[in-house]
């Protein structure tokens, strides 16, 4: 078992004790890159932060692929790529809207 999977298992066990039958209060940060072997993300019963979208190379499609088992529990972060659109508020709004459209197309529901 990988270190990552062991940690996810420990998070899942802790969340099961702290919030039985619900998503727990302990989350994890997982980069939305191709993970080999795939991790059992759903077992952690948590919310995930997925940094690295945009400037750091990950795409909404990468996020959708990595978090396919739990797409409703991922919070992607694209702060660097969005900051490159600023400080002009119009360009920043357009960049946020474009990225939101990409995520709506990539992630179900």
C-alpha atoms as a PDB file:
ATOM      1  CA  UNK A   1       0.000   0.000   0.000  1.00  0.00           C
ATOM      2  CA  UNK A   2       1.293   3.456  -0.862  1.00  0.00           C
ATOM      3  CA  UNK A   3       1.862   6.153   1.746  1.00  0.00           C
ATOM      4  CA  UNK A   4      -0.858   8.206   0.091  1.00  0.00           C
ATOM      5  CA  UNK A   5      -3.416   5.397   0.266  1.00  0.00           C
ATOM      6  CA  UNK A   6      -2.497   4.675   3.876  1.00  0.00           C
ATOM      7  CA  UNK A   7      -3.072   8.345   4.769  1.00  0.00           C
ATOM      8  CA  UNK A   8      -6.416   8.339   2.957  1.00  0.00           C
ATOM      9  CA  UNK A   9      -7.398   5.243   4.909  1.00  0.00           C
ATOM     10  CA  UNK A  10      -6.464   6.927   8.181  1.00  0.00           C
ATOM     11  CA  UNK A  11      -8.442  10.029   7.207  1.00  0.00           C
ATOM     12  CA  UNK A  12     -11.417   7.824   6.351  1.00  0.00           C
ATOM     13  CA  UNK A  13     -11.234   6.019   9.694  1.00  0.00           C
ATOM     14  CA  UNK A  14     -10.997   9.286  11.606  1.00  0.00           C
ATOM     15  CA  UNK A  15     -13.884  10.817   9.647  1.00  0.00           C
ATOM     16  CA  UNK A  16     -15.997   7.687  10.286  1.00  0.00           C
ATOM     17  CA  UNK A  17     -15.489   8.163  14.023  1.00  0.00           C
ATOM     18  CA  UNK A  18     -16.053  11.932  13.977  1.00  0.00           C
ATOM     19  CA  UNK A  19     -18.996  12.027  11.554  1.00  0.00           C
ATOM     20  CA  UNK A  20     -20.511   8.561  11.088  1.00  0.00           C
ATOM     21  CA  UNK A  21     -22.326   8.235   7.770  1.00  0.00           C
ATOM     22  CA  UNK A  22     -21.342  11.742   6.628  1.00  0.00           C
ATOM     23  CA  UNK A  23     -18.395  13.528   5.115  1.00  0.00           C
ATOM     24  CA  UNK A  24     -15.947  14.131   7.899  1.00  0.00           C
ATOM     25  CA  UNK A  25     -14.196  17.297   9.011  1.00  0.00           C
ATOM     26  CA  UNK A  26     -10.714  16.108   7.995  1.00  0.00           C
ATOM     27  CA  UNK A  27      -9.867  16.660   4.330  1.00  0.00           C
ATOM     28  CA  UNK A  28      -6.893  16.144   2.057  1.00  0.00           C
ATOM     29  CA  UNK A  29      -4.922  17.966  -0.616  1.00  0.00           C
ATOM     30  CA  UNK A  30      -4.481  15.917  -3.790  1.00  0.00           C
ATOM     31  CA  UNK A  31      -2.863  17.261  -6.931  1.00  0.00           C
ATOM     32  CA  UNK A  32      -5.050  16.648  -9.987  1.00  0.00           C
ATOM     33  CA  UNK A  33      -2.374  14.837 -11.956  1.00  0.00           C
ATOM     34  CA  UNK A  34      -2.403  11.278 -13.211  1.00  0.00           C
ATOM     35  CA  UNK A  35      -1.919   9.183 -10.088  1.00  0.00           C
ATOM     36  CA  UNK A  36      -0.485   5.705 -10.585  1.00  0.00           C
ATOM     37  CA  UNK A  37      -1.664   3.521  -9.085  1.00  0.00           C
ATOM     38  CA  UNK A  38      -5.041   5.154  -8.684  1.00  0.00           C
ATOM     39  CA  UNK A  39      -6.005   6.072  -5.143  1.00  0.00           C
ATOM     40  CA  UNK A  40      -9.290   5.117  -3.501  1.00  0.00           C
ATOM     41  CA  UNK A  41     -10.311   8.718  -2.862  1.00  0.00           C
ATOM     42  CA  UNK A  42     -13.933   7.949  -2.007  1.00  0.00           C
ATOM     43  CA  UNK A  43     -12.833   5.882   1.014  1.00  0.00           C
ATOM     44  CA  UNK A  44     -11.554   8.975   2.830  1.00  0.00           C
ATOM     45  CA  UNK A  45     -15.103  10.329   3.243  1.00  0.00           C
ATOM     46  CA  UNK A  46     -13.811  13.875   2.942  1.00  0.00           C
ATOM     47  CA  UNK A  47     -13.570  16.975   0.821  1.00  0.00           C
ATOM     48  CA  UNK A  48     -10.452  17.440  -1.307  1.00  0.00           C
ATOM     49  CA  UNK A  49      -8.516  20.535  -2.295  1.00  0.00           C
ATOM     50  CA  UNK A  50      -7.031  20.099  -5.771  1.00  0.00           C
ATOM     51  CA  UNK A  51      -4.389  22.780  -6.385  1.00  0.00           C
ATOM     52  CA  UNK A  52      -2.500  23.277  -9.600  1.00  0.00           C
ATOM     53  CA  UNK A  53      -5.172  23.998 -12.213  1.00  0.00           C
ATOM     54  CA  UNK A  54      -4.040  26.316 -14.980  1.00  0.00           C
ATOM     55  CA  UNK A  55      -0.561  27.787 -14.632  1.00  0.00           C
ATOM     56  CA  UNK A  56       0.741  24.682 -12.891  1.00  0.00           C
ATOM     57  CA  UNK A  57      -0.462  22.428 -15.701  1.00  0.00           C
ATOM     58  CA  UNK A  58      -3.589  20.643 -14.522  1.00  0.00           C
ATOM     59  CA  UNK A  59      -6.814  21.046 -16.484  1.00  0.00           C
ATOM     60  CA  UNK A  60     -10.491  20.657 -15.562  1.00  0.00           C
ATOM     61  CA  UNK A  61     -10.379  17.342 -17.459  1.00  0.00           C
ATOM     62  CA  UNK A  62      -7.512  16.201 -15.202  1.00  0.00           C
ATOM     63  CA  UNK A  63      -9.566  17.091 -12.124  1.00  0.00           C
ATOM     64  CA  UNK A  64     -12.537  15.153 -13.516  1.00  0.00           C
ATOM     65  CA  UNK A  65     -10.370  12.093 -14.230  1.00  0.00           C
ATOM     66  CA  UNK A  66      -8.579  11.997 -10.868  1.00  0.00           C
ATOM     67  CA  UNK A  67     -11.756  12.658  -8.856  1.00  0.00           C
ATOM     68  CA  UNK A  68     -14.133  10.567 -10.973  1.00  0.00           C
ATOM     69  CA  UNK A  69     -15.188   8.520  -7.932  1.00  0.00           C
ATOM     70  CA  UNK A  70     -16.106  11.623  -5.914  1.00  0.00           C
ATOM     71  CA  UNK A  71     -16.539  14.667  -8.190  1.00  0.00           C
ATOM     72  CA  UNK A  72     -18.884  16.355  -5.736  1.00  0.00           C
ATOM     73  CA  UNK A  73     -16.148  16.474  -3.097  1.00  0.00           C
ATOM     74  CA  UNK A  74     -13.375  18.302  -4.935  1.00  0.00           C
ATOM     75  CA  UNK A  75     -12.514  21.994  -4.690  1.00  0.00           C
ATOM     76  CA  UNK A  76     -10.116  22.818  -7.523  1.00  0.00           C
ATOM     77  CA  UNK A  77      -7.775  25.764  -7.100  1.00  0.00           C
ATOM     78  CA  UNK A  78      -6.663  27.898 -10.018  1.00  0.00           C
ATOM     79  CA  UNK A  79      -5.417  30.967  -8.192  1.00  0.00           C
ATOM     80  CA  UNK A  80      -2.181  31.454 -10.149  1.00  0.00           C
ATOM     81  CA  UNK A  81      -3.855  31.217 -13.529  1.00  0.00           C
ATOM     82  CA  UNK A  82      -6.641  33.563 -12.457  1.00  0.00           C
ATOM     83  CA  UNK A  83      -4.190  36.082 -11.027  1.00  0.00           C
ATOM     84  CA  UNK A  84      -2.507  36.382 -14.426  1.00  0.00           C
ATOM     85  CA  UNK A  85      -5.795  37.830 -15.738  1.00  0.00           C
ATOM     86  CA  UNK A  86      -5.763  40.646 -13.180  1.00  0.00           C
ATOM     87  CA  UNK A  87      -5.671  43.295 -12.026  1.00  0.00           C
ATOM     88  CA  UNK A  88      -8.185  44.329 -14.694  1.00  0.00           C
ATOM     89  CA  UNK A  89     -11.549  43.321 -13.215  1.00  0.00           C
ATOM     90  CA  UNK A  90     -13.162  42.675 -16.603  1.00  0.00           C
ATOM     91  CA  UNK A  91     -10.389  40.287 -17.671  1.00  0.00           C
ATOM     92  CA  UNK A  92     -10.489  38.623 -14.263  1.00  0.00           C
ATOM     93  CA  UNK A  93     -14.268  38.087 -14.484  1.00  0.00           C
ATOM     94  CA  UNK A  94     -13.883  36.692 -18.004  1.00  0.00           C
ATOM     95  CA  UNK A  95     -11.145  34.281 -16.866  1.00  0.00           C
ATOM     96  CA  UNK A  96     -13.266  33.053 -13.942  1.00  0.00           C
ATOM     97  CA  UNK A  97     -16.299  32.597 -16.206  1.00  0.00           C
ATOM     98  CA  UNK A  98     -14.267  30.693 -18.811  1.00  0.00           C
ATOM     99  CA  UNK A  99     -12.764  28.382 -16.209  1.00  0.00           C
ATOM    100  CA  UNK A 100     -16.175  27.809 -14.604  1.00  0.00           C
ATOM    101  CA  UNK A 101     -17.553  26.829 -18.024  1.00  0.00           C
ATOM    102  CA  UNK A 102     -14.702  24.337 -18.470  1.00  0.00           C
ATOM    103  CA  UNK A 103     -15.367  22.809 -15.052  1.00  0.00           C
ATOM    104  CA  UNK A 104     -19.113  22.558 -15.683  1.00  0.00           C
ATOM    105  CA  UNK A 105     -18.375  20.655 -18.889  1.00  0.00           C
ATOM    106  CA  UNK A 106     -15.782  18.370 -17.256  1.00  0.00           C
ATOM    107  CA  UNK A 107     -17.464  17.545 -13.928  1.00  0.00           C
ATOM    108  CA  UNK A 108     -20.869  15.873 -13.714  1.00  0.00           C
ATOM    109  CA  UNK A 109     -23.832  17.438 -11.908  1.00  0.00           C
END
